[in-house]
Amino acid sequence: MRVTMFVLAFLGLHLAVGATAILMAKYFTPTLWRSHWGRRVIWGAPLLTLVATILLFLGRWQGLIWIETPMGLLAAALWVSLIAATLVLPISGILRLADWLLKRKSKRNLRDSSDSGANASEEISEELVSPERRYLLMAGATLPALAMTSGVAGVLGSYSSVKVFELPLRFPNLSPDLEGFRILHLCDLHLGLFYTLNNLEELTLELEKEKIDLIVVVGDFADRLDQLPDALRLIAALNPRYGAFATLGNHEYYRGIKQVYRTFNAGPIPLLVNSGEKIQVGASSIYVGGADDPVSMRWGAKYDSFYDETVERSMRDSESESFKLLLTHRPWAFEVAAKSGVDLSLAGHTHGGQVGFMGKSVFDVFNKNSYLWGEFEIGQNKLYTSSGIGHWFPFRLGCPTEAPIITLRKA
């Protein structure tokens, strides 16, 4: 039943997007539509998207990696390009309308300034395309092509190497024992089709040269749970001084939460869910709490109440003098965590909005409290939302994959 509903939903989505793209192309880019090859591209793009996506699903169902991998990339590029072109086609329509208004105004001005109809006709024919209209026509034709090119660039950008960098975060009341404490922040590996164990092994080889005190994995570890045991061993083999901890993301629930629990129970990295552990660092301590993911909450429950409960349960055993660190897959627990006195929250889930500029998500422009990518603070309490390492949908434009090493510093 669930598979049937998914197939029907996908076909409905494809029909809606494809039909919208074709109709918009027909009425907003008539020059392209009248072209023989242009009409083939307009009709062929939705059809090719459908075929690539069906082959992707068949490859995954049958376990045929040699089909699944290339079709996954092709389907992602086509979907992004199709949606991007559909979004900008109305702009092409507006530019075309502006061109029509300019042309009409130009004709009217020529008629008003002409002595005879014959002279007017000659001048109109000579002024068919003014510089202003030429720019509008070029922009209207170029925008859909740029949108589709950006879609392809975003898919290619998802395969850039993981950026490993040190990120100092400053706290006014930090204990001297915690000065320089280094936390490797991993999230959203989505091990499977687009990020594999081989990729993870390459990353761990790069991380071996780093001095790491603690590793945290903040959810969405693997989309193929058969790869989870080896992934846990690879990360644990980095031998961080104070160990490693993980918490759940929504994809752990999607892929099979019982199997996830069994794997972690038999593996080298503890899983913290509504619980925490104290780490002794010299005369000081860090309390690491792990929040649950709201995908597990009761139907109809409110997110605010869920975050209140999971943060309280995660941090209830913390001591007042401990530095409090919360692992929360989604960054929207931050405001509750800050009110609860959590010094640092580490999150992921958003993939940075998958479109960024100058180290921030472009969507943060529309909502300053979206916490999509980067460092945020409320008073003395801080959050870092990582753009993550992998992806279930390979698209990143100006938003590279990353594995930050958070370094605690005294303010």
Protein backbone atom coordinates (compact mmCIF):
# COMPACT_ATOMS: atom_id res chain seq x y z
CA MET A 1 0.00 0.00 0.00
CA ARG A 2 2.78 2.41 0.96
CA VAL A 3 4.69 1.66 -2.26
CA THR A 4 1.53 2.17 -4.33
CA MET A 5 0.88 5.55 -2.69
CA PHE A 6 4.49 6.60 -3.30
CA VAL A 7 4.32 5.62 -6.98
CA LEU A 8 1.02 7.47 -7.45
CA ALA A 9 2.40 10.56 -5.67
CA PHE A 10 5.52 10.52 -7.84
CA LEU A 11 3.53 10.16 -11.07
CA GLY A 12 1.24 12.99 -9.98
CA LEU A 13 4.19 15.23 -9.18
CA HIS A 14 5.88 14.46 -12.48
CA LEU A 15 2.69 15.08 -14.43
CA ALA A 16 2.16 18.42 -12.69
CA VAL A 17 5.74 19.64 -13.15
CA GLY A 18 6.06 18.34 -16.71
CA ALA A 19 2.73 19.75 -17.90
CA THR A 20 3.47 23.11 -16.26
CA ALA A 21 6.89 23.28 -17.92
CA ILE A 22 5.47 22.44 -21.37
CA LEU A 23 2.61 24.96 -21.14
CA MET A 24 4.86 27.72 -19.84
CA ALA A 25 7.42 27.05 -22.57
CA LYS A 26 4.69 27.16 -25.21
CA TYR A 27 3.21 30.49 -24.14
CA PHE A 28 6.22 32.27 -22.61
CA THR A 29 8.87 31.27 -25.18
CA PRO A 30 6.93 31.04 -28.46
CA THR A 31 10.10 31.46 -30.55
CA LEU A 32 11.59 28.35 -28.98
CA TRP A 33 8.26 26.53 -29.28
CA ARG A 34 8.04 27.25 -33.03
CA SER A 35 11.52 25.79 -33.51
CA HIS A 36 11.52 22.12 -34.50
CA TRP A 37 14.39 21.25 -32.17
CA GLY A 38 13.11 23.56 -29.46
CA ARG A 39 9.77 21.75 -29.35
CA ARG A 40 11.59 18.40 -29.20
CA VAL A 41 13.59 19.58 -26.17
CA ILE A 42 10.47 20.94 -24.45
CA TRP A 43 8.60 17.65 -24.86
CA GLY A 44 11.66 15.45 -24.40
CA ALA A 45 12.92 16.86 -21.08
CA PRO A 46 9.93 15.72 -18.97
CA LEU A 47 9.86 12.37 -20.77
CA LEU A 48 13.59 11.76 -20.21
CA THR A 49 13.18 12.77 -16.54
CA LEU A 50 10.43 10.19 -16.12
CA VAL A 51 12.46 7.42 -17.78
CA ALA A 52 15.61 8.19 -15.73
CA THR A 53 13.64 8.22 -12.47
CA ILE A 54 11.89 4.92 -13.24
CA LEU A 55 15.25 3.30 -14.07
CA LEU A 56 16.65 4.69 -10.79
CA PHE A 57 13.84 3.08 -8.80
CA LEU A 58 14.20 -0.21 -10.69
CA GLY A 59 17.96 -0.21 -10.12
CA ARG A 60 17.51 0.39 -6.39
CA TRP A 61 14.75 -2.24 -6.14
CA GLN A 62 16.88 -4.87 -7.87
CA GLY A 63 20.15 -3.80 -6.21
CA LEU A 64 21.78 -2.97 -9.55
CA ILE A 65 24.33 -0.33 -8.64
CA TRP A 66 25.53 0.02 -12.22
CA ILE A 67 22.04 1.24 -13.15
CA GLU A 68 21.16 3.05 -9.94
CA THR A 69 24.23 5.31 -9.74
CA PRO A 70 24.21 6.86 -13.24
CA MET A 71 20.41 7.08 -13.30
CA GLY A 72 20.47 8.76 -9.89
CA LEU A 73 22.78 11.46 -11.20
CA LEU A 74 20.87 11.88 -14.46
CA ALA A 75 17.49 11.99 -12.73
CA ALA A 76 18.71 14.55 -10.18
CA ALA A 77 20.17 16.81 -12.88
CA LEU A 78 16.99 16.57 -14.98
CA TRP A 79 14.64 17.19 -12.06
CA VAL A 80 16.57 20.24 -10.86
CA SER A 81 16.88 21.63 -14.38
CA LEU A 82 13.20 21.04 -15.12
CA ILE A 83 12.03 22.70 -11.90
CA ALA A 84 14.51 25.59 -12.27
CA ALA A 85 13.45 26.25 -15.85
CA THR A 86 9.78 26.14 -14.82
CA LEU A 87 10.40 28.71 -12.09
CA VAL A 88 12.09 31.19 -14.41
CA LEU A 89 9.78 30.75 -17.40
CA PRO A 90 7.23 33.21 -15.92
CA ILE A 91 10.05 35.78 -15.80
CA SER A 92 10.59 35.15 -19.50
CA GLY A 93 6.87 35.76 -19.96
CA ILE A 94 7.07 39.06 -18.08
CA LEU A 95 10.04 40.13 -20.21
CA ARG A 96 8.10 39.18 -23.33
CA LEU A 97 5.15 41.29 -22.13
CA ALA A 98 7.50 44.21 -21.51
CA ASP A 99 8.89 43.77 -25.02
CA TRP A 100 5.36 43.83 -26.47
CA LEU A 101 4.55 47.03 -24.57
CA LEU A 102 7.77 48.67 -25.78
CA LYS A 103 7.04 47.63 -29.35
CA ARG A 104 3.51 49.01 -29.12
CA LYS A 105 4.76 52.28 -27.62
CA SER A 106 7.40 52.57 -30.35
CA LYS A 107 4.80 52.09 -33.08
CA ARG A 108 2.50 54.67 -31.51
CA ASN A 109 5.31 57.22 -31.25
CA LEU A 110 6.29 56.64 -34.87
CA ARG A 111 2.72 57.12 -36.07
CA ASP A 112 2.35 60.32 -34.08
CA SER A 113 5.56 61.77 -35.54
CA SER A 114 4.92 60.67 -39.16
CA ASP A 115 3.29 62.82 -41.85
CA SER A 116 1.93 59.87 -43.83
CA GLY A 117 1.03 56.26 -43.34
CA ALA A 118 3.62 55.14 -45.88
CA ASN A 119 6.44 56.90 -44.11
CA ALA A 120 5.25 55.46 -40.79
CA SER A 121 5.29 51.92 -42.17
CA GLU A 122 8.86 52.37 -43.42
CA GLU A 123 10.05 53.75 -40.07
CA ILE A 124 8.28 51.02 -38.12
CA SER A 125 9.91 48.32 -40.23
CA GLU A 126 13.31 49.91 -39.60
CA GLU A 127 12.72 50.13 -35.83
CA LEU A 128 11.35 46.66 -35.28
CA VAL A 129 13.98 45.82 -32.67
CA SER A 130 15.24 48.72 -30.53
CA PRO A 131 18.24 48.27 -28.18
CA GLU A 132 15.87 48.04 -25.19
CA ARG A 133 13.79 45.36 -26.86
CA ARG A 134 16.92 43.48 -27.96
CA TYR A 135 18.08 43.24 -24.32
CA LEU A 136 14.66 42.04 -23.20
CA LEU A 137 14.51 39.38 -25.91
CA MET A 138 18.03 38.16 -25.07
CA ALA A 139 17.24 38.00 -21.35
CA GLY A 140 13.99 36.13 -21.95
CA ALA A 141 15.74 33.52 -24.07
CA THR A 142 18.79 33.23 -21.79
CA LEU A 143 17.13 32.83 -18.38
CA PRO A 144 15.72 29.29 -18.89
CA ALA A 145 19.08 28.13 -20.26
CA LEU A 146 20.90 29.63 -17.27
CA ALA A 147 18.46 27.97 -14.88
CA MET A 148 19.03 24.56 -16.45
CA THR A 149 22.81 25.11 -16.45
CA SER A 150 22.68 26.01 -12.74
CA GLY A 151 20.83 22.78 -12.10
CA VAL A 152 23.56 20.73 -13.73
CA ALA A 153 26.24 22.75 -11.90
CA GLY A 154 24.49 22.07 -8.59
CA VAL A 155 24.52 18.32 -9.20
CA LEU A 156 28.21 18.41 -10.12
CA GLY A 157 28.89 20.57 -7.05
CA SER A 158 27.50 17.85 -4.80
CA TYR A 159 30.55 15.76 -5.67
CA SER A 160 33.11 18.26 -4.44
CA SER A 161 35.50 17.01 -1.75
CA VAL A 162 34.47 17.40 1.88
CA LYS A 163 35.81 20.62 3.38
CA VAL A 164 37.65 19.97 6.67
CA PHE A 165 38.35 23.13 8.64
CA GLU A 166 38.82 24.37 12.19
CA LEU A 167 36.06 26.56 13.59
CA PRO A 168 36.81 28.33 16.91
CA LEU A 169 33.75 29.05 19.05
CA ARG A 170 34.20 31.30 22.09
CA PHE A 171 32.51 31.03 25.46
CA PRO A 172 33.02 33.54 28.31
CA ASN A 173 32.85 31.01 31.14
CA LEU A 174 34.89 28.25 29.53
CA SER A 175 37.06 26.29 31.95
CA PRO A 176 40.84 26.42 31.30
CA ASP A 177 40.78 22.60 31.03
CA LEU A 178 38.53 22.90 27.98
CA GLU A 179 40.57 25.55 26.18
CA GLY A 180 41.38 24.19 22.71
CA PHE A 181 39.11 21.13 23.05
CA ARG A 182 38.43 19.88 19.49
CA ILE A 183 35.12 18.33 18.43
CA LEU A 184 34.75 16.76 14.99
CA HIS A 185 31.19 17.51 13.88
CA LEU A 186 29.86 14.94 11.37
CA CYS A 187 26.30 14.80 10.08
CA ASP A 188 24.13 13.79 7.16
CA LEU A 189 26.48 11.25 5.63
CA HIS A 190 23.50 9.50 3.98
CA LEU A 191 25.72 6.52 3.21
CA GLY A 192 24.43 4.72 0.16
CA LEU A 193 24.03 5.85 -3.41
CA PHE A 194 25.76 9.24 -3.52
CA TYR A 195 28.19 8.93 -0.59
CA THR A 196 29.80 5.54 -0.11
CA LEU A 197 32.02 3.72 2.35
CA ASN A 198 34.96 4.38 0.03
CA ASN A 199 34.26 8.10 0.27
CA LEU A 200 34.08 7.85 4.06
CA GLU A 201 37.36 5.94 4.16
CA GLU A 202 39.05 8.70 2.13
CA LEU A 203 37.72 11.28 4.59
CA THR A 204 38.95 9.36 7.63
CA LEU A 205 42.42 9.08 6.06
CA GLU A 206 42.45 12.86 5.76
CA LEU A 207 41.24 13.25 9.34
CA GLU A 208 43.92 10.99 10.78
CA LYS A 209 46.38 13.89 10.86
CA GLU A 210 44.00 15.99 12.96
CA LYS A 211 44.12 16.02 16.74
CA ILE A 212 40.52 15.21 17.66
CA ASP A 213 39.27 15.06 21.24
CA LEU A 214 35.68 14.09 20.56
CA ILE A 215 33.62 12.96 17.55
CA VAL A 216 29.89 13.56 17.29
CA VAL A 217 27.63 12.23 14.53
CA VAL A 218 24.39 14.17 14.44
CA GLY A 219 21.93 11.96 12.57
CA ASP A 220 21.16 10.69 9.06
CA PHE A 221 24.14 8.37 9.15
CA ALA A 222 23.18 5.85 6.47
CA ASP A 223 20.45 5.34 3.90
CA ARG A 224 21.73 1.79 3.40
CA LEU A 225 21.84 0.26 6.84
CA ASP A 226 24.05 -2.61 5.70
CA GLN A 227 26.85 -0.02 5.45
CA LEU A 228 26.30 1.31 8.98
CA PRO A 229 28.45 -1.24 10.92
CA ASP A 230 31.55 -0.62 8.76
CA ALA A 231 30.97 3.14 8.92
CA LEU A 232 30.88 3.07 12.72
CA ARG A 233 34.15 1.13 12.77
CA LEU A 234 35.83 3.55 10.36
CA ILE A 235 34.91 6.57 12.47
CA ALA A 236 35.78 4.90 15.78
CA ALA A 237 39.19 3.94 14.32
CA LEU A 238 40.13 7.65 14.39
CA ASN A 239 40.57 7.06 18.14
CA PRO A 240 39.43 10.43 19.45
CA ARG A 241 40.78 11.08 22.93
CA TYR A 242 37.37 11.16 24.61
CA GLY A 243 35.47 8.86 22.28
CA ALA A 244 32.54 9.38 19.95
CA PHE A 245 28.78 9.75 20.29
CA ALA A 246 25.86 9.76 17.87
CA THR A 247 22.22 10.67 17.85
CA LEU A 248 19.26 9.95 15.57
CA GLY A 249 18.03 11.76 12.48
CA ASN A 250 14.82 11.35 10.53
CA HIS A 251 16.41 8.95 8.04
CA GLU A 252 17.23 6.47 10.82
CA TYR A 253 13.49 6.19 11.36
CA TYR A 254 12.76 6.02 7.63
CA ARG A 255 15.25 3.22 7.00
CA GLY A 256 14.45 1.04 10.01
CA ILE A 257 14.88 2.26 13.56
CA LYS A 258 14.99 -1.23 15.11
CA GLN A 259 17.91 -2.25 12.91
CA VAL A 260 19.63 1.05 13.70
CA TYR A 261 19.37 0.37 17.44
CA ARG A 262 20.69 -3.18 17.00
CA THR A 263 23.67 -1.95 15.00
CA PHE A 264 24.61 0.75 17.49
CA ASN A 265 24.18 -1.62 20.43
CA ALA A 266 26.72 -3.96 18.82
CA GLY A 267 29.03 -1.19 17.60
CA PRO A 268 31.79 1.01 19.01
CA ILE A 269 29.91 4.34 19.12
CA PRO A 270 27.22 4.97 21.79
CA LEU A 271 23.84 6.25 20.58
CA LEU A 272 22.34 9.00 22.74
CA VAL A 273 18.57 9.41 22.46
CA ASN A 274 16.87 11.46 25.18
CA SER A 275 19.94 10.69 27.26
CA GLY A 276 23.48 11.89 27.85
CA GLU A 277 26.91 11.08 29.20
CA LYS A 278 29.48 13.01 31.19
CA ILE A 279 33.07 13.28 29.96
CA GLN A 280 35.73 14.16 32.49
CA VAL A 281 38.36 16.53 31.06
CA GLY A 282 40.94 17.30 33.69
CA ALA A 283 39.18 18.96 36.61
CA SER A 284 36.30 19.98 34.33
CA SER A 285 33.65 18.03 32.44
CA ILE A 286 31.52 18.07 29.33
CA TYR A 287 28.01 16.69 29.41
CA VAL A 288 26.93 15.40 25.99
CA GLY A 289 23.18 15.02 25.48
CA GLY A 290 21.43 13.52 22.47
CA ALA A 291 18.00 14.76 21.39
CA ASP A 292 15.49 12.59 19.57
CA ASP A 293 14.15 13.51 16.15
CA PRO A 294 10.55 14.76 15.87
CA VAL A 295 9.74 12.27 13.13
CA SER A 296 9.24 9.87 16.06
CA MET A 297 6.62 12.03 17.81
CA ARG A 298 2.96 11.20 18.15
CA TRP A 299 0.71 12.23 15.27
CA GLY A 300 -0.65 15.71 15.90
CA ALA A 301 1.90 16.64 18.56
CA LYS A 302 3.43 20.11 18.29
CA TYR A 303 7.13 20.52 17.52
CA ASP A 304 7.58 23.06 20.32
CA SER A 305 6.38 20.65 22.97
CA PHE A 306 8.47 17.88 21.44
CA TYR A 307 11.65 19.94 21.63
CA ASP A 308 10.83 21.00 25.19
CA GLU A 309 10.54 17.36 26.20
CA THR A 310 13.52 15.92 24.31
CA VAL A 311 15.93 18.67 25.41
CA GLU A 312 14.82 18.31 29.03
CA ARG A 313 15.26 14.53 28.94
CA SER A 314 18.62 14.78 27.16
CA MET A 315 20.10 17.24 29.66
CA ARG A 316 18.37 16.22 32.91
CA ASP A 317 21.44 14.45 34.31
CA SER A 318 23.85 17.28 33.54
CA GLU A 319 25.61 19.04 36.38
CA SER A 320 25.59 22.82 36.68
CA GLU A 321 29.38 23.13 36.44
CA SER A 322 29.65 20.96 33.28
CA PHE A 323 30.00 22.44 29.81
CA LYS A 324 26.71 21.40 28.17
CA LEU A 325 26.78 20.06 24.61
CA LEU A 326 23.57 19.04 22.83
CA LEU A 327 23.48 16.87 19.72
CA THR A 328 20.26 17.58 17.83
CA HIS A 329 19.74 16.51 14.25
CA ARG A 330 17.46 19.45 13.50
CA PRO A 331 18.64 22.94 14.46
CA TRP A 332 15.21 24.13 15.58
CA ALA A 333 15.75 22.75 19.07
CA PHE A 334 18.29 25.54 19.58
CA GLU A 335 15.95 28.10 21.14
CA VAL A 336 14.74 25.56 23.70
CA ALA A 337 18.34 24.47 24.34
CA ALA A 338 19.48 28.07 24.89
CA LYS A 339 16.71 28.63 27.44
CA SER A 340 17.79 25.42 29.16
CA GLY A 341 21.37 26.64 29.55
CA VAL A 342 22.95 24.45 26.88
CA ASP A 343 26.29 26.06 25.98
CA LEU A 344 26.66 24.57 22.51
CA SER A 345 24.21 22.82 20.19
CA LEU A 346 25.44 20.96 17.10
CA ALA A 347 22.96 20.21 14.33
CA GLY A 348 22.57 19.28 10.67
CA HIS A 349 19.54 18.07 8.67
CA THR A 350 19.22 21.15 6.44
CA HIS A 351 22.18 20.50 4.10
CA GLY A 352 22.63 24.26 4.30
CA GLY A 353 19.48 24.71 2.22
CA GLN A 354 21.65 23.25 -0.58
CA VAL A 355 22.08 26.72 -2.09
CA GLY A 356 24.53 29.09 -0.45
CA PHE A 357 26.43 32.32 -0.91
CA MET A 358 29.47 33.59 1.03
CA GLY A 359 29.25 30.78 3.59
CA LYS A 360 25.55 31.22 4.43
CA SER A 361 22.36 29.69 3.10
CA VAL A 362 20.55 32.00 0.68
CA PHE A 363 17.32 31.08 2.47
CA ASP A 364 18.58 32.60 5.72
CA VAL A 365 18.00 35.95 4.01
CA PHE A 366 14.24 35.39 4.20
CA ASN A 367 14.20 34.12 7.79
CA LYS A 368 16.98 35.05 10.19
CA ASN A 369 15.85 32.33 12.62
CA SER A 370 15.92 29.49 10.12
CA TYR A 371 19.35 28.31 11.41
CA LEU A 372 20.06 26.61 8.10
CA TRP A 373 23.85 26.85 7.92
CA GLY A 374 26.60 28.30 10.03
CA GLU A 375 27.09 29.78 13.50
CA PHE A 376 24.20 31.27 15.48
CA GLU A 377 23.89 32.55 19.01
CA ILE A 378 21.32 33.53 21.59
CA GLY A 379 23.05 35.37 24.38
CA GLN A 380 26.06 33.26 25.35
CA ASN A 381 24.56 30.07 23.93
CA LYS A 382 25.72 28.94 20.50
CA LEU A 383 24.59 26.70 17.64
CA TYR A 384 26.50 25.44 14.67
CA THR A 385 24.47 23.90 11.85
CA SER A 386 26.65 21.97 9.45
CA SER A 387 25.83 21.67 5.76
CA GLY A 388 26.69 17.99 6.15
CA ILE A 389 28.77 15.49 4.25
CA GLY A 390 26.42 13.52 2.00
CA HIS A 391 22.96 13.89 0.55
CA TRP A 392 19.97 11.84 -0.49
CA PHE A 393 19.42 14.28 -3.39
CA PRO A 394 22.72 15.34 -5.03
CA PHE A 395 22.45 19.09 -5.45
CA ARG A 396 24.68 21.75 -3.91
CA LEU A 397 25.16 25.20 -5.38
CA GLY A 398 27.54 27.40 -3.40
CA CYS A 399 27.04 25.13 -0.41
CA PRO A 400 29.91 22.62 -0.20
CA THR A 401 29.97 19.53 1.97
CA GLU A 402 31.87 19.96 5.21
CA ALA A 403 33.26 18.31 8.34
CA PRO A 404 34.04 21.17 10.75
CA ILE A 405 36.30 20.72 13.75
CA ILE A 406 34.76 22.85 16.49
CA THR A 407 37.46 24.24 18.79
CA LEU A 408 36.36 25.58 22.18
CA ARG A 409 37.97 28.88 23.12
CA LYS A 410 37.74 31.29 26.02
CA ALA A 411 36.02 34.54 25.03
